[in-house]
Amino acid sequence: MGSMLRNIILAPALVAAAAFAANTASAETRLKVPFSFNVNGKECPAGVYTVERDHLANLVTLKSQDAMQSFHWVLTPGEPEPNASAVVLKFDEVGETHTLRSVQYGALVTARLDKKPKASEHAHTRTVPGE
């Protein structure tokens, strides 16, 4: 009887622990950026980048493929649809210069990462979706 009672109590606890572990695990998405760009005043070359989310701290990390550069930001609810699941990098493009504007991870997004272009500058927004 004691063994059966213990199993009844332990089973839901194990299921809850497994669900918690699955929700807190980091997921990584690869993105191929076909142009060089600026982030926080640093030049990043064209290439493959990964975006990884830390569900516990609600942080997102952008890393170059060679992991020589990485950047971290806080995610907050944003403009995307509530059911959005895409990982997207948004860039402001002024002339030949690209500057990372935001990182979208599903329905969450970073605050604006670059300065708004001057009124005299004509900026286009360019997006790079995850694979």
N, C-alpha and C. Protein backbone atom coordinates (compact mmCIF):
# COMPACT_ATOMS: atom_id res chain seq x y z
N MET A 1 0.81 -1.19 0.00
CA MET A 1 0.00 0.00 0.00
C MET A 1 0.86 1.26 0.00
N GLY A 2 1.94 1.27 0.83
CA GLY A 2 2.84 2.42 0.90
C GLY A 2 3.52 2.67 -0.43
N SER A 3 3.89 1.59 -1.12
CA SER A 3 4.54 1.70 -2.43
C SER A 3 3.59 2.32 -3.45
N MET A 4 2.33 1.92 -3.43
CA MET A 4 1.34 2.45 -4.37
C MET A 4 1.11 3.94 -4.10
N LEU A 5 1.00 4.33 -2.84
CA LEU A 5 0.80 5.72 -2.46
C LEU A 5 1.99 6.57 -2.91
N ARG A 6 3.19 6.04 -2.72
CA ARG A 6 4.40 6.75 -3.14
C ARG A 6 4.39 6.96 -4.66
N ASN A 7 4.00 5.95 -5.43
CA ASN A 7 3.94 6.07 -6.89
C ASN A 7 2.90 7.09 -7.33
N ILE A 8 1.77 7.14 -6.64
CA ILE A 8 0.73 8.11 -6.98
C ILE A 8 1.22 9.53 -6.74
N ILE A 9 2.00 9.72 -5.69
CA ILE A 9 2.52 11.05 -5.37
C ILE A 9 3.69 11.41 -6.28
N LEU A 10 4.58 10.45 -6.57
CA LEU A 10 5.77 10.73 -7.37
C LEU A 10 5.48 10.93 -8.86
N ALA A 11 4.51 10.24 -9.40
CA ALA A 11 4.23 10.33 -10.84
C ALA A 11 3.95 11.76 -11.29
N PRO A 12 3.01 12.48 -10.64
CA PRO A 12 2.78 13.87 -11.08
C PRO A 12 4.00 14.76 -10.88
N ALA A 13 4.76 14.51 -9.84
CA ALA A 13 5.96 15.31 -9.60
C ALA A 13 6.98 15.10 -10.72
N LEU A 14 7.15 13.88 -11.17
CA LEU A 14 8.08 13.59 -12.26
C LEU A 14 7.61 14.20 -13.58
N VAL A 15 6.31 14.14 -13.84
CA VAL A 15 5.76 14.74 -15.05
C VAL A 15 5.97 16.25 -15.02
N ALA A 16 5.72 16.88 -13.88
CA ALA A 16 5.92 18.33 -13.75
C ALA A 16 7.39 18.70 -13.93
N ALA A 17 8.29 17.92 -13.37
CA ALA A 17 9.72 18.19 -13.51
C ALA A 17 10.15 18.07 -14.97
N ALA A 18 9.65 17.07 -15.68
CA ALA A 18 9.99 16.89 -17.09
C ALA A 18 9.46 18.06 -17.92
N ALA A 19 8.26 18.50 -17.64
CA ALA A 19 7.69 19.63 -18.37
C ALA A 19 8.48 20.90 -18.10
N PHE A 20 8.88 21.10 -16.86
CA PHE A 20 9.68 22.27 -16.49
C PHE A 20 11.01 22.25 -17.22
N ALA A 21 11.66 21.09 -17.27
CA ALA A 21 12.94 20.95 -17.95
C ALA A 21 12.79 21.24 -19.44
N ALA A 22 11.72 20.78 -20.04
CA ALA A 22 11.49 21.02 -21.47
C ALA A 22 11.27 22.50 -21.74
N ASN A 23 10.55 23.19 -20.85
CA ASN A 23 10.27 24.61 -21.04
C ASN A 23 11.47 25.48 -20.76
N THR A 24 12.41 25.03 -19.94
CA THR A 24 13.56 25.85 -19.60
C THR A 24 14.75 25.57 -20.50
N ALA A 25 14.67 24.55 -21.31
CA ALA A 25 15.78 24.24 -22.20
C ALA A 25 15.93 25.34 -23.23
N SER A 26 17.17 25.60 -23.60
CA SER A 26 17.44 26.60 -24.62
C SER A 26 17.21 26.00 -25.99
N ALA A 27 16.68 26.80 -26.87
CA ALA A 27 16.51 26.40 -28.26
C ALA A 27 17.36 27.33 -29.10
N GLU A 28 18.02 26.76 -30.09
CA GLU A 28 18.93 27.54 -30.93
C GLU A 28 18.43 27.54 -32.36
N THR A 29 18.42 28.70 -33.00
CA THR A 29 18.00 28.84 -34.39
C THR A 29 19.14 29.44 -35.19
N ARG A 30 19.39 28.86 -36.36
CA ARG A 30 20.44 29.37 -37.25
C ARG A 30 19.85 30.37 -38.24
N LEU A 31 20.62 31.43 -38.50
CA LEU A 31 20.23 32.44 -39.48
C LEU A 31 21.44 32.77 -40.35
N LYS A 32 21.21 32.87 -41.63
CA LYS A 32 22.28 33.25 -42.55
C LYS A 32 22.08 34.72 -42.92
N VAL A 33 23.00 35.57 -42.49
CA VAL A 33 22.93 37.01 -42.77
C VAL A 33 23.84 37.28 -43.97
N PRO A 34 23.28 37.71 -45.11
CA PRO A 34 24.06 37.84 -46.34
C PRO A 34 24.84 39.16 -46.47
N PHE A 35 24.92 39.94 -45.40
CA PHE A 35 25.61 41.23 -45.46
C PHE A 35 26.24 41.51 -44.11
N SER A 36 27.28 42.34 -44.09
CA SER A 36 27.87 42.74 -42.81
C SER A 36 26.93 43.75 -42.15
N PHE A 37 27.03 43.84 -40.83
CA PHE A 37 26.13 44.73 -40.09
C PHE A 37 26.78 45.18 -38.80
N ASN A 38 26.20 46.20 -38.19
CA ASN A 38 26.68 46.75 -36.93
C ASN A 38 25.74 46.36 -35.79
N VAL A 39 26.34 46.05 -34.65
CA VAL A 39 25.59 45.79 -33.41
C VAL A 39 26.36 46.45 -32.28
N ASN A 40 25.70 47.32 -31.56
CA ASN A 40 26.33 47.98 -30.41
C ASN A 40 27.69 48.58 -30.77
N GLY A 41 27.80 49.15 -31.97
CA GLY A 41 29.05 49.77 -32.39
C GLY A 41 30.10 48.80 -32.89
N LYS A 42 29.79 47.51 -32.97
CA LYS A 42 30.75 46.51 -33.44
C LYS A 42 30.34 46.02 -34.82
N GLU A 43 31.32 45.85 -35.69
CA GLU A 43 31.09 45.36 -37.04
C GLU A 43 31.03 43.83 -37.02
N CYS A 44 29.98 43.28 -37.60
CA CYS A 44 29.81 41.83 -37.69
C CYS A 44 29.81 41.45 -39.17
N PRO A 45 30.61 40.46 -39.54
CA PRO A 45 30.67 40.07 -40.95
C PRO A 45 29.43 39.28 -41.38
N ALA A 46 29.20 39.24 -42.69
CA ALA A 46 28.15 38.38 -43.22
C ALA A 46 28.49 36.95 -42.83
N GLY A 47 27.47 36.13 -42.64
CA GLY A 47 27.72 34.73 -42.28
C GLY A 47 26.57 34.11 -41.52
N VAL A 48 26.86 32.97 -40.91
CA VAL A 48 25.86 32.23 -40.15
C VAL A 48 25.93 32.64 -38.69
N TYR A 49 24.76 32.92 -38.14
CA TYR A 49 24.62 33.31 -36.74
C TYR A 49 23.58 32.41 -36.09
N THR A 50 23.67 32.28 -34.78
CA THR A 50 22.65 31.54 -34.05
C THR A 50 21.99 32.49 -33.05
N VAL A 51 20.70 32.25 -32.86
CA VAL A 51 19.93 32.97 -31.85
C VAL A 51 19.45 31.92 -30.87
N GLU A 52 19.75 32.14 -29.60
CA GLU A 52 19.38 31.19 -28.56
C GLU A 52 18.62 31.93 -27.46
N ARG A 53 17.55 31.30 -27.00
CA ARG A 53 16.74 31.91 -25.94
C ARG A 53 16.93 31.17 -24.63
N ASP A 54 17.12 31.92 -23.57
CA ASP A 54 17.16 31.39 -22.21
C ASP A 54 15.78 31.67 -21.63
N HIS A 55 14.97 30.62 -21.49
CA HIS A 55 13.59 30.78 -21.04
C HIS A 55 13.49 31.22 -19.58
N LEU A 56 14.45 30.84 -18.77
CA LEU A 56 14.38 31.21 -17.35
C LEU A 56 14.57 32.71 -17.15
N ALA A 57 15.55 33.28 -17.84
CA ALA A 57 15.85 34.70 -17.66
C ALA A 57 15.20 35.57 -18.73
N ASN A 58 14.53 34.95 -19.70
CA ASN A 58 13.91 35.67 -20.82
C ASN A 58 14.94 36.51 -21.57
N LEU A 59 16.11 35.89 -21.79
CA LEU A 59 17.19 36.54 -22.52
C LEU A 59 17.34 35.88 -23.88
N VAL A 60 17.87 36.63 -24.83
CA VAL A 60 18.18 36.09 -26.15
C VAL A 60 19.65 36.42 -26.42
N THR A 61 20.36 35.46 -27.05
CA THR A 61 21.76 35.63 -27.38
C THR A 61 21.95 35.47 -28.87
N LEU A 62 22.67 36.39 -29.47
CA LEU A 62 23.05 36.31 -30.88
C LEU A 62 24.54 36.00 -30.90
N LYS A 63 24.91 34.89 -31.57
CA LYS A 63 26.31 34.47 -31.64
C LYS A 63 26.72 34.26 -33.08
N SER A 64 27.96 34.66 -33.39
CA SER A 64 28.50 34.36 -34.71
C SER A 64 28.84 32.87 -34.74
N GLN A 65 28.93 32.30 -35.93
CA GLN A 65 29.17 30.86 -36.07
C GLN A 65 30.47 30.46 -35.38
N ASP A 66 31.48 31.30 -35.47
CA ASP A 66 32.75 30.97 -34.83
C ASP A 66 32.76 31.35 -33.35
N ALA A 67 31.64 31.91 -32.86
CA ALA A 67 31.45 32.28 -31.44
C ALA A 67 32.47 33.30 -30.96
N MET A 68 33.08 34.03 -31.89
CA MET A 68 34.01 35.08 -31.48
C MET A 68 33.27 36.32 -31.00
N GLN A 69 32.02 36.46 -31.43
CA GLN A 69 31.20 37.58 -30.99
C GLN A 69 29.87 37.05 -30.49
N SER A 70 29.41 37.60 -29.38
CA SER A 70 28.07 37.27 -28.91
C SER A 70 27.48 38.50 -28.22
N PHE A 71 26.17 38.60 -28.31
CA PHE A 71 25.44 39.72 -27.76
C PHE A 71 24.23 39.18 -27.02
N HIS A 72 23.84 39.83 -25.92
CA HIS A 72 22.73 39.38 -25.09
C HIS A 72 21.75 40.53 -24.86
N TRP A 73 20.45 40.20 -24.94
CA TRP A 73 19.41 41.19 -24.70
C TRP A 73 18.22 40.56 -23.97
N VAL A 74 17.41 41.40 -23.36
CA VAL A 74 16.19 40.97 -22.69
C VAL A 74 15.06 40.97 -23.72
N LEU A 75 14.20 39.96 -23.65
CA LEU A 75 13.02 39.88 -24.51
C LEU A 75 11.79 40.36 -23.76
N THR A 76 10.92 41.07 -24.47
CA THR A 76 9.66 41.52 -23.89
C THR A 76 8.55 41.31 -24.92
N PRO A 77 7.30 41.32 -24.50
CA PRO A 77 6.22 41.23 -25.49
C PRO A 77 6.35 42.39 -26.48
N GLY A 78 6.08 42.08 -27.75
CA GLY A 78 6.28 43.11 -28.76
C GLY A 78 5.22 43.12 -29.83
N GLU A 79 5.60 43.57 -31.00
CA GLU A 79 4.70 43.75 -32.12
C GLU A 79 4.23 42.46 -32.78
N PRO A 80 5.00 41.37 -32.72
CA PRO A 80 4.57 40.17 -33.44
C PRO A 80 3.24 39.65 -32.94
N GLU A 81 2.62 38.82 -33.74
CA GLU A 81 1.37 38.16 -33.35
C GLU A 81 1.62 37.32 -32.10
N PRO A 82 0.66 37.19 -31.22
CA PRO A 82 0.85 36.40 -30.00
C PRO A 82 1.23 34.94 -30.27
N ASN A 83 0.81 34.39 -31.41
CA ASN A 83 1.12 33.00 -31.74
C ASN A 83 2.35 32.87 -32.64
N ALA A 84 3.09 33.96 -32.85
CA ALA A 84 4.25 33.92 -33.73
C ALA A 84 5.28 32.93 -33.19
N SER A 85 5.92 32.21 -34.09
CA SER A 85 6.93 31.25 -33.66
C SER A 85 8.26 31.47 -34.35
N ALA A 86 8.34 32.45 -35.23
CA ALA A 86 9.55 32.68 -36.01
C ALA A 86 10.64 33.37 -35.19
N VAL A 87 11.87 33.14 -35.61
CA VAL A 87 13.01 33.89 -35.11
C VAL A 87 13.46 34.76 -36.27
N VAL A 88 13.50 36.08 -36.04
CA VAL A 88 13.77 37.02 -37.11
C VAL A 88 14.72 38.11 -36.62
N LEU A 89 15.70 38.45 -37.44
CA LEU A 89 16.55 39.61 -37.18
C LEU A 89 16.05 40.73 -38.08
N LYS A 90 15.87 41.93 -37.52
CA LYS A 90 15.45 43.09 -38.31
C LYS A 90 16.59 44.09 -38.33
N PHE A 91 16.85 44.63 -39.51
CA PHE A 91 17.95 45.56 -39.70
C PHE A 91 17.44 46.86 -40.30
N ASP A 92 18.07 47.97 -39.92
CA ASP A 92 17.86 49.24 -40.61
C ASP A 92 18.97 49.32 -41.65
N GLU A 93 18.57 49.67 -42.87
CA GLU A 93 19.51 49.76 -43.98
C GLU A 93 19.55 51.21 -44.46
N VAL A 94 20.68 51.86 -44.29
CA VAL A 94 20.88 53.22 -44.77
C VAL A 94 22.08 53.17 -45.71
N GLY A 95 21.81 53.36 -47.00
CA GLY A 95 22.88 53.22 -47.99
C GLY A 95 23.38 51.78 -47.98
N GLU A 96 24.69 51.63 -47.78
CA GLU A 96 25.30 50.29 -47.74
C GLU A 96 25.45 49.77 -46.30
N THR A 97 25.01 50.55 -45.33
CA THR A 97 25.19 50.19 -43.92
C THR A 97 23.95 49.52 -43.36
N HIS A 98 24.16 48.39 -42.69
CA HIS A 98 23.07 47.68 -42.02
C HIS A 98 23.35 47.70 -40.52
N THR A 99 22.33 48.01 -39.76
CA THR A 99 22.45 48.04 -38.30
C THR A 99 21.32 47.20 -37.72
N LEU A 100 21.68 46.29 -36.80
CA LEU A 100 20.66 45.44 -36.20
C LEU A 100 19.67 46.29 -35.42
N ARG A 101 18.40 46.15 -35.78
CA ARG A 101 17.34 46.94 -35.14
C ARG A 101 16.71 46.18 -33.99
N SER A 102 16.40 44.87 -34.20
CA SER A 102 15.76 44.09 -33.14
C SER A 102 15.91 42.60 -33.44
N VAL A 103 15.67 41.81 -32.41
CA VAL A 103 15.64 40.35 -32.52
C VAL A 103 14.26 39.91 -32.06
N GLN A 104 13.56 39.20 -32.93
CA GLN A 104 12.25 38.65 -32.57
C GLN A 104 12.42 37.17 -32.31
N TYR A 105 11.87 36.70 -31.20
CA TYR A 105 11.87 35.28 -30.88
C TYR A 105 10.43 34.90 -30.56
N GLY A 106 9.74 34.36 -31.54
CA GLY A 106 8.33 34.06 -31.36
C GLY A 106 7.55 35.34 -31.16
N ALA A 107 6.74 35.39 -30.11
CA ALA A 107 5.92 36.57 -29.84
C ALA A 107 6.66 37.62 -29.02
N LEU A 108 7.95 37.37 -28.74
CA LEU A 108 8.75 38.30 -27.94
C LEU A 108 9.76 39.01 -28.82
N VAL A 109 10.19 40.18 -28.38
CA VAL A 109 11.13 40.96 -29.18
C VAL A 109 12.01 41.80 -28.25
N THR A 110 13.21 42.14 -28.72
CA THR A 110 14.07 43.03 -27.95
C THR A 110 13.58 44.47 -28.13
N ALA A 111 14.02 45.34 -27.26
CA ALA A 111 13.78 46.77 -27.47
C ALA A 111 14.59 47.18 -28.70
N ARG A 112 14.34 48.35 -29.22
CA ARG A 112 15.09 48.83 -30.38
C ARG A 112 16.57 48.89 -30.01
N LEU A 113 17.42 48.27 -30.83
CA LEU A 113 18.84 48.14 -30.53
C LEU A 113 19.69 49.24 -31.16
N ASP A 114 19.16 49.88 -32.20
CA ASP A 114 19.92 50.93 -32.88
C ASP A 114 19.25 52.28 -32.67
N LYS A 115 19.95 53.31 -33.05
CA LYS A 115 19.36 54.65 -32.99
C LYS A 115 18.47 54.83 -34.21
N LYS A 116 17.41 55.58 -34.05
CA LYS A 116 16.55 55.87 -35.21
C LYS A 116 17.37 56.68 -36.21
N PRO A 117 17.22 56.36 -37.50
CA PRO A 117 17.93 57.15 -38.51
C PRO A 117 17.50 58.62 -38.47
N LYS A 118 18.43 59.49 -38.83
CA LYS A 118 18.11 60.92 -38.89
C LYS A 118 17.05 61.15 -39.96
N ALA A 119 16.31 62.23 -39.82
CA ALA A 119 15.25 62.55 -40.78
C ALA A 119 15.81 62.68 -42.20
N SER A 120 17.07 63.09 -42.31
CA SER A 120 17.67 63.26 -43.63
C SER A 120 18.09 61.92 -44.24
N GLU A 121 18.17 60.89 -43.43
CA GLU A 121 18.56 59.57 -43.92
C GLU A 121 17.32 58.76 -44.27
N HIS A 122 17.36 58.11 -45.40
CA HIS A 122 16.24 57.28 -45.83
C HIS A 122 16.57 55.82 -45.49
N ALA A 123 15.92 55.28 -44.48
CA ALA A 123 16.21 53.92 -44.03
C ALA A 123 15.14 52.94 -44.50
N HIS A 124 15.59 51.77 -44.87
CA HIS A 124 14.71 50.65 -45.20
C HIS A 124 14.88 49.62 -44.10
N THR A 125 13.85 48.86 -43.83
CA THR A 125 13.95 47.77 -42.88
C THR A 125 14.10 46.48 -43.66
N ARG A 126 15.06 45.67 -43.24
CA ARG A 126 15.32 44.39 -43.90
C ARG A 126 15.24 43.30 -42.84
N THR A 127 14.61 42.17 -43.16
CA THR A 127 14.47 41.07 -42.20
C THR A 127 15.22 39.85 -42.70
N VAL A 128 15.75 39.09 -41.72
CA VAL A 128 16.41 37.82 -42.01
C VAL A 128 15.73 36.78 -41.12
N PRO A 129 14.97 35.85 -41.71
CA PRO A 129 14.28 34.82 -40.91
C PRO A 129 15.20 33.66 -40.55
N GLY A 130 14.87 32.96 -39.47
CA GLY A 130 15.62 31.79 -39.05
C GLY A 130 15.30 30.61 -39.93
N GLU A 131 16.19 29.62 -39.88
CA GLU A 131 16.01 28.39 -40.69
C GLU A 131 15.28 27.34 -39.92
